[in-house]
Amino acid sequence: MFVIEFLKTTVPLPGVGKNAVEFRKALTMKSRLVTRREFLAANVAAGMTLFAVSARAAGISELYAGLKSDEFFAGPLKEEAKVVDQKVFTEGPAAASDGRIFFTNASAAKILIWNPQTRELSTFRENSGEANGLLFDHSGRLLACEGKAGRVTRTDLKTGEITVLVDQFEGHPLGAPNDLTIDARGRVYFTSRLPNDDPKTQNVNSVYRIGPNGRVTRILHEPDIHMPNGVEVSPDGHTLYLIESDGRENRNRCIFAYDLNEGMATNARRIIDFSPGRGGDGLCVDAEGNLYVAAGLHKTRGTSETLDTKPGVHVISPNGKLLAYLATPIDTLTNCTFGGEDRKTLYITCGDLLLSVRTQRPGPKKIAP
């Protein structure tokens, strides 16, 4: 009975790859009646157990079923701006206090500004060190993860002065800082990853904390984590969320949640797993603590990632339940942030586009400078 029902499914088989066709052929054979030995032999040839096949297939088919996305998204997706350059890879949207949206074209090493009032796109900085994630601190200064430069910087928008917050740890250079967040006490958390992965001379993939006094502490690192990407703090400041997004086989593509105790991450738990699809990239949270995660691909890109994760913004509860989903049009979807006067506009970086959508729930209130 199980075999007949399984053969009817149209759900792609994760983890099987090119063996999926052979697996189905082996199961059908010449008759619907398949012996136990034949079934197990076909299953072993596919490289996975019967339990793993059935459980994963059921999980994928059910993940997007029954979502009430209109309870989270209040309108259609809107194209705000299209970036035209020799190379384009948008990332790191951050909302300034005056409503302008700063974001990066990492491939061209530029930081851009979108003005919703004038609907003008301009360049804030060139030679940005291939800045990726951006963030405004509680004083309205712009923080940037400069991936190629291997540092985190702070820019005073009034004076233009750039301060290097960190470019090394324990005497060794960082990898490529990727994304960052901040808590109510002004502690900044950032992820840093490849290419600097030699622990003897450089720092491995890690999550660091920068204290208000400038002191840098490493709070997570390999091998406990694989490829740290997006990072966020819950509105109440009690939880740190970390996206792991590693395209290599048998590596993390999930979201971890940690208890934050005096800025240290403890009690790790995996709240959602995107594997075998593309994991999340960047994320933000609404005022109720739900996560808005940019994840998925339209087409494969030479990694072990499959297309099981739909490309778009996934709204996930703090305990890991998928609540809503908003499809995005092109690759590669990277990040999102809340903006607008009422904090109910979600801005999304996606390929060469800056997109927006109105939401039912606002983002957390900004802490005034």
Protein backbone atom coordinates (compact mmCIF):
# COMPACT_ATOMS: atom_id res chain seq x y z
CA MET A 1 0.00 0.00 0.00
CA PHE A 2 2.84 2.37 0.85
CA VAL A 3 4.59 1.67 -2.46
CA ILE A 4 1.53 2.54 -4.52
CA GLU A 5 0.95 5.80 -2.70
CA PHE A 6 4.64 6.73 -2.86
CA LEU A 7 4.78 6.21 -6.61
CA LYS A 8 1.89 8.61 -7.07
CA THR A 9 3.65 11.47 -5.32
CA THR A 10 4.95 14.39 -7.35
CA VAL A 11 7.16 15.71 -4.56
CA PRO A 12 10.86 15.81 -5.61
CA LEU A 13 13.03 13.46 -3.62
CA PRO A 14 15.59 15.43 -1.60
CA GLY A 15 19.04 14.02 -1.09
CA VAL A 16 18.62 11.61 -4.02
CA GLY A 17 19.61 13.94 -6.88
CA LYS A 18 20.22 12.06 -10.14
CA ASN A 19 19.26 8.78 -8.47
CA ALA A 20 15.63 9.84 -8.21
CA VAL A 21 14.74 8.58 -11.69
CA GLU A 22 16.49 5.27 -11.15
CA PHE A 23 14.79 4.94 -7.79
CA ARG A 24 11.32 5.33 -9.25
CA LYS A 25 12.09 3.00 -12.15
CA ALA A 26 13.34 0.36 -9.77
CA LEU A 27 10.19 0.61 -7.72
CA THR A 28 7.77 0.35 -10.63
CA MET A 29 9.63 -2.50 -12.37
CA LYS A 30 7.11 -4.51 -14.44
CA SER A 31 4.39 -4.76 -11.84
CA ARG A 32 2.80 -2.82 -9.04
CA LEU A 33 3.67 -5.75 -6.78
CA VAL A 34 7.19 -5.15 -5.55
CA THR A 35 8.87 -7.60 -3.24
CA ARG A 36 10.37 -6.42 0.00
CA ARG A 37 13.85 -7.41 -1.21
CA GLU A 38 13.42 -5.48 -4.47
CA PHE A 39 12.11 -2.42 -2.63
CA LEU A 40 14.98 -2.39 -0.15
CA ALA A 41 17.54 -2.93 -2.92
CA ALA A 42 16.16 0.03 -4.86
CA ASN A 43 16.15 2.12 -1.73
CA VAL A 44 19.78 1.32 -0.92
CA ALA A 45 20.78 2.13 -4.50
CA ALA A 46 19.25 5.54 -4.07
CA GLY A 47 21.47 6.16 -1.08
CA MET A 48 18.83 6.71 1.61
CA THR A 49 16.56 4.76 3.92
CA LEU A 50 12.84 4.23 3.43
CA PHE A 51 12.17 6.28 6.52
CA ALA A 52 14.23 9.21 5.30
CA VAL A 53 12.48 9.21 1.91
CA SER A 54 8.97 9.12 3.29
CA ALA A 55 9.60 11.56 6.11
CA ARG A 56 11.37 14.15 3.96
CA ALA A 57 8.84 13.88 1.11
CA ALA A 58 5.98 14.37 3.54
CA GLY A 59 7.76 17.29 5.20
CA ILE A 60 8.33 19.13 1.93
CA SER A 61 4.78 18.63 0.71
CA GLU A 62 3.34 19.87 3.97
CA LEU A 63 5.71 22.78 4.62
CA TYR A 64 3.86 25.27 2.42
CA ALA A 65 0.36 23.81 2.89
CA GLY A 66 -2.32 25.76 4.72
CA LEU A 67 -0.42 29.02 5.09
CA LYS A 68 -2.37 32.19 5.85
CA SER A 69 -0.02 34.61 4.17
CA ASP A 70 -2.61 37.41 3.94
CA GLU A 71 -2.46 37.62 7.73
CA PHE A 72 1.13 38.85 7.38
CA PHE A 73 1.40 40.49 3.96
CA ALA A 74 -1.06 43.32 3.28
CA GLY A 75 -0.45 43.98 -0.39
CA PRO A 76 1.31 42.91 -3.58
CA LEU A 77 5.05 42.92 -4.07
CA LYS A 78 6.26 46.22 -5.50
CA GLU A 79 9.43 47.02 -7.44
CA GLU A 80 11.02 50.12 -5.93
CA ALA A 81 14.29 50.32 -7.84
CA LYS A 82 16.39 48.41 -10.37
CA VAL A 83 20.15 48.62 -10.03
CA VAL A 84 22.05 48.96 -13.30
CA ASP A 85 25.79 48.32 -13.12
CA GLN A 86 28.46 46.10 -14.64
CA LYS A 87 27.95 43.64 -11.79
CA VAL A 88 24.96 43.56 -9.46
CA PHE A 89 24.31 41.62 -6.28
CA THR A 90 22.08 43.57 -3.89
CA GLU A 91 22.22 43.00 -0.16
CA GLY A 92 21.90 44.50 3.30
CA PRO A 93 18.85 46.82 3.32
CA ALA A 94 18.73 49.15 6.34
CA ALA A 95 16.19 51.88 7.06
CA ALA A 96 17.49 55.28 8.18
CA SER A 97 15.47 57.40 10.61
CA ASP A 98 14.42 59.73 7.78
CA GLY A 99 12.91 56.84 5.80
CA ARG A 100 15.67 56.38 3.25
CA ILE A 101 16.75 52.82 2.53
CA PHE A 102 20.46 52.11 2.39
CA PHE A 103 21.51 48.87 0.69
CA THR A 104 24.56 47.43 -1.02
CA ASN A 105 25.65 46.29 -4.43
CA ALA A 106 28.31 44.00 -3.04
CA SER A 107 29.64 42.94 -6.45
CA ALA A 108 30.39 46.55 -7.40
CA ALA A 109 31.58 47.55 -3.90
CA LYS A 110 28.93 50.27 -3.58
CA ILE A 111 26.48 51.40 -0.92
CA LEU A 112 23.29 52.78 -2.46
CA ILE A 113 20.38 54.88 -1.18
CA TRP A 114 16.75 54.63 -2.20
CA ASN A 115 14.61 57.65 -1.29
CA PRO A 116 10.93 56.61 -1.12
CA GLN A 117 9.80 60.25 -1.10
CA THR A 118 11.59 61.35 -4.28
CA ARG A 119 11.84 57.85 -5.75
CA GLU A 120 15.48 58.46 -6.55
CA LEU A 121 18.32 55.94 -6.41
CA SER A 122 21.76 57.35 -5.61
CA THR A 123 25.22 56.16 -4.58
CA PHE A 124 26.24 56.81 -1.01
CA ARG A 125 29.72 55.30 -1.22
CA GLU A 126 32.00 53.67 -3.73
CA ASN A 127 34.94 51.45 -2.79
CA SER A 128 32.92 50.11 0.10
CA GLY A 129 35.15 47.10 0.75
CA GLU A 130 32.39 45.02 -0.85
CA ALA A 131 30.06 45.86 2.01
CA ASN A 132 27.31 43.30 2.53
CA GLY A 133 25.09 43.68 5.61
CA LEU A 134 24.22 47.17 6.86
CA LEU A 135 22.69 48.41 10.11
CA PHE A 136 21.95 51.71 11.84
CA ASP A 137 23.00 51.87 15.48
CA HIS A 138 21.05 53.64 18.20
CA SER A 139 22.77 56.93 17.39
CA GLY A 140 21.84 56.78 13.71
CA ARG A 141 25.33 55.87 12.51
CA LEU A 142 25.70 53.38 9.66
CA LEU A 143 27.44 50.10 10.44
CA ALA A 144 28.71 47.97 7.56
CA CYS A 145 30.12 44.47 7.20
CA GLU A 146 32.86 45.00 4.63
CA GLY A 147 33.40 41.48 3.34
CA LYS A 148 36.41 41.91 1.09
CA ALA A 149 38.09 44.40 3.42
CA GLY A 150 37.56 41.99 6.32
CA ARG A 151 36.27 44.59 8.75
CA VAL A 152 33.20 46.15 10.37
CA THR A 153 32.99 49.94 10.10
CA ARG A 154 30.85 52.75 11.45
CA THR A 155 30.06 55.88 9.46
CA ASP A 156 28.84 59.16 10.94
CA LEU A 157 26.33 60.39 8.37
CA LYS A 158 26.75 64.00 9.50
CA THR A 159 30.51 64.18 9.19
CA GLY A 160 31.27 61.27 6.87
CA GLU A 161 33.90 60.00 9.30
CA ILE A 162 34.53 56.24 9.05
CA THR A 163 35.63 54.32 12.13
CA VAL A 164 36.93 50.73 11.97
CA LEU A 165 35.23 48.83 14.80
CA VAL A 166 37.03 45.54 14.22
CA ASP A 167 39.30 44.00 11.58
CA GLN A 168 41.00 41.25 13.58
CA PHE A 169 40.51 39.00 16.60
CA GLU A 170 43.26 37.73 18.90
CA GLY A 171 45.90 39.00 16.50
CA HIS A 172 44.52 37.30 13.40
CA PRO A 173 42.46 38.87 10.60
CA LEU A 174 38.75 38.18 10.30
CA GLY A 175 37.21 36.30 7.42
CA ALA A 176 34.54 38.16 5.46
CA PRO A 177 32.06 39.91 7.80
CA ASN A 178 28.60 39.21 6.41
CA ASP A 179 25.66 40.42 8.49
CA LEU A 180 24.99 42.16 11.78
CA THR A 181 22.37 43.12 14.35
CA ILE A 182 22.18 45.10 17.58
CA ASP A 183 20.46 44.70 20.94
CA ALA A 184 18.86 47.29 23.21
CA ARG A 185 22.11 47.76 25.13
CA GLY A 186 24.00 48.66 21.97
CA ARG A 187 25.88 45.37 21.66
CA VAL A 188 26.50 44.53 18.01
CA TYR A 189 26.55 40.91 16.84
CA PHE A 190 28.06 40.04 13.46
CA THR A 191 28.86 36.96 11.42
CA SER A 192 32.20 36.38 9.72
CA ARG A 193 33.02 33.55 7.32
CA LEU A 194 35.15 32.40 4.41
CA PRO A 195 37.62 32.88 2.80
CA ASN A 196 39.75 33.13 5.94
CA ASP A 197 39.37 29.65 7.40
CA ASP A 198 42.86 28.66 8.60
CA PRO A 199 42.76 28.70 12.41
CA LYS A 200 46.55 28.83 12.60
CA THR A 201 46.84 32.15 10.80
CA GLN A 202 43.33 33.54 10.55
CA ASN A 203 39.93 33.26 12.20
CA VAL A 204 37.47 30.47 11.44
CA ASN A 205 33.78 31.01 10.66
CA SER A 206 32.37 32.73 13.72
CA VAL A 207 29.83 35.02 15.35
CA TYR A 208 31.28 37.95 17.29
CA ARG A 209 29.93 40.54 19.70
CA ILE A 210 31.15 44.12 19.86
CA GLY A 211 30.41 45.71 23.23
CA PRO A 212 29.53 49.39 23.71
CA ASN A 213 33.10 49.83 24.98
CA GLY A 214 34.49 48.39 21.74
CA ARG A 215 35.58 45.08 23.22
CA VAL A 216 35.20 42.17 20.76
CA THR A 217 34.19 38.70 21.94
CA ARG A 218 33.75 35.56 19.88
CA ILE A 219 30.54 33.85 21.01
CA LEU A 220 30.15 31.07 18.38
CA HIS A 221 32.58 29.40 15.98
CA GLU A 222 33.40 26.30 13.95
CA PRO A 223 32.95 23.37 14.32
CA ASP A 224 29.79 24.16 16.33
CA ILE A 225 28.54 26.22 13.39
CA HIS A 226 29.30 25.80 9.70
CA MET A 227 28.54 28.86 7.55
CA PRO A 228 27.06 31.74 9.60
CA ASN A 229 24.99 34.14 7.55
CA GLY A 230 22.07 36.30 8.70
CA VAL A 231 21.81 37.19 12.37
CA GLU A 232 19.07 38.87 14.42
CA VAL A 233 18.02 39.54 18.01
CA SER A 234 14.45 39.03 19.20
CA PRO A 235 12.50 42.18 20.18
CA ASP A 236 12.73 41.28 23.87
CA GLY A 237 16.50 40.79 23.59
CA HIS A 238 16.40 37.27 25.01
CA THR A 239 17.09 35.28 21.83
CA LEU A 240 19.75 35.37 19.13
CA TYR A 241 18.78 33.89 15.76
CA LEU A 242 21.49 32.66 13.40
CA ILE A 243 21.02 31.51 9.82
CA GLU A 244 23.37 28.78 8.64
CA SER A 245 23.54 28.55 4.86
CA ASP A 246 26.19 26.15 3.58
CA GLY A 247 25.76 24.82 0.03
CA ARG A 248 28.11 21.89 0.58
CA GLU A 249 26.85 18.36 1.13
CA ASN A 250 25.74 17.47 4.66
CA ARG A 251 26.29 20.99 5.99
CA ASN A 252 23.90 23.21 7.91
CA ARG A 253 21.07 24.99 6.08
CA CYS A 254 18.93 25.91 9.03
CA ILE A 255 18.15 28.53 11.65
CA PHE A 256 19.52 28.19 15.16
CA ALA A 257 18.09 30.00 18.17
CA TYR A 258 20.21 30.74 21.25
CA ASP A 259 19.44 32.18 24.65
CA LEU A 260 21.23 35.48 25.16
CA ASN A 261 22.72 35.77 28.63
CA GLU A 262 24.79 38.91 29.12
CA GLY A 263 25.56 38.86 25.42
CA MET A 264 26.65 35.21 25.33
CA ALA A 265 24.81 32.62 23.20
CA THR A 266 23.76 29.46 25.04
CA ASN A 267 21.21 26.63 24.75
CA ALA A 268 21.44 26.12 20.98
CA ARG A 269 18.39 24.69 19.23
CA ARG A 270 17.65 24.17 15.56
CA ILE A 271 14.20 25.68 14.97
CA ILE A 272 13.83 25.04 11.22
CA ASP A 273 15.81 23.12 8.61
CA PHE A 274 15.75 24.17 4.94
CA SER A 275 17.91 21.29 3.75
CA PRO A 276 18.19 20.01 1.04
CA GLY A 277 17.03 23.33 -0.45
CA ARG A 278 18.85 26.63 -0.22
CA GLY A 279 18.84 27.88 3.33
CA GLY A 280 18.12 31.40 4.46
CA ASP A 281 20.34 34.38 3.78
CA GLY A 282 19.23 37.45 5.72
CA LEU A 283 16.36 38.01 8.11
CA CYS A 284 14.52 40.52 10.27
CA VAL A 285 11.83 40.27 12.96
CA ASP A 286 8.47 41.95 13.45
CA ALA A 287 7.30 43.49 16.73
CA GLU A 288 5.74 40.17 17.77
CA GLY A 289 8.99 38.30 17.28
CA ASN A 290 8.18 36.48 14.04
CA LEU A 291 11.11 35.97 11.67
CA TYR A 292 11.04 37.17 8.04
CA VAL A 293 13.64 35.06 6.24
CA ALA A 294 14.94 35.41 2.68
CA ALA A 295 15.48 31.87 1.37
CA GLY A 296 15.27 29.63 -1.69
CA LEU A 297 16.34 29.61 -5.34
CA HIS A 298 14.70 29.66 -8.77
CA LYS A 299 17.46 27.54 -10.28
CA THR A 300 20.37 25.53 -8.98
CA ARG A 301 23.82 27.10 -8.84
CA GLY A 302 26.39 24.30 -8.82
CA THR A 303 26.05 23.38 -5.14
CA SER A 304 24.27 20.51 -3.42
CA GLU A 305 21.29 22.81 -2.80
CA THR A 306 18.01 21.69 -4.38
CA LEU A 307 14.94 23.73 -5.32
CA ASP A 308 12.81 22.32 -2.49
CA THR A 309 12.89 25.65 -0.66
CA LYS A 310 10.67 28.05 -2.58
CA PRO A 311 12.33 31.40 -3.41
CA GLY A 312 10.78 34.13 -1.29
CA VAL A 313 10.27 35.60 2.15
CA HIS A 314 9.34 32.99 4.73
CA VAL A 315 7.58 34.15 7.91
CA ILE A 316 8.55 31.79 10.72
CA SER A 317 7.39 31.77 14.33
CA PRO A 318 9.97 31.88 17.14
CA ASN A 319 9.54 28.12 17.61
CA GLY A 320 10.14 27.36 13.94
CA LYS A 321 6.69 27.03 12.38
CA LEU A 322 6.27 28.39 8.85
CA LEU A 323 3.38 30.87 9.04
CA ALA A 324 3.43 32.70 5.69
CA TYR A 325 5.28 32.90 2.41
CA LEU A 326 5.77 35.61 -0.23
CA ALA A 327 7.27 34.61 -3.59
CA THR A 328 10.00 36.74 -5.12
CA PRO A 329 10.61 36.96 -8.88
CA ILE A 330 14.34 36.42 -9.54
CA ASP A 331 17.56 35.12 -8.05
CA THR A 332 19.26 35.81 -5.78
CA LEU A 333 17.03 36.82 -2.87
CA THR A 334 19.26 38.00 -0.05
CA ASN A 335 17.81 40.09 2.76
CA CYS A 336 14.97 42.21 4.15
CA THR A 337 14.22 44.93 6.70
CA PHE A 338 11.27 46.91 8.05
CA GLY A 339 10.94 50.59 7.18
CA GLY A 340 8.38 53.30 6.59
CA GLU A 341 6.89 55.74 9.07
CA ASP A 342 4.67 53.04 10.57
CA ARG A 343 7.34 50.31 10.24
CA LYS A 344 4.92 48.28 8.11
CA THR A 345 6.85 48.29 4.85
CA LEU A 346 9.17 45.35 4.29
CA TYR A 347 12.07 46.18 1.94
CA ILE A 348 13.68 43.23 0.15
CA THR A 349 16.91 42.92 -1.82
CA CYS A 350 16.57 40.44 -4.66
CA GLY A 351 18.94 40.08 -7.63
CA ASP A 352 19.23 43.55 -9.17
CA LEU A 353 16.02 44.77 -7.51
CA LEU A 354 14.94 46.56 -4.37
CA LEU A 355 11.39 45.36 -3.65
CA SER A 356 8.81 46.27 -1.02
CA VAL A 357 5.58 44.89 0.39
CA ARG A 358 3.18 46.23 2.99
CA THR A 359 2.79 44.07 6.08
CA GLN A 360 0.06 43.51 8.63
CA ARG A 361 2.50 43.65 11.52
CA PRO A 362 5.11 46.36 12.09
CA GLY A 363 8.78 45.90 12.70
CA PRO A 364 10.10 46.65 16.21
CA LYS A 365 10.18 50.29 17.23
CA LYS A 366 13.51 51.96 16.70
CA ILE A 367 15.43 53.13 19.71
CA ALA A 368 15.76 56.89 19.40
CA PRO A 369 19.27 58.34 19.21
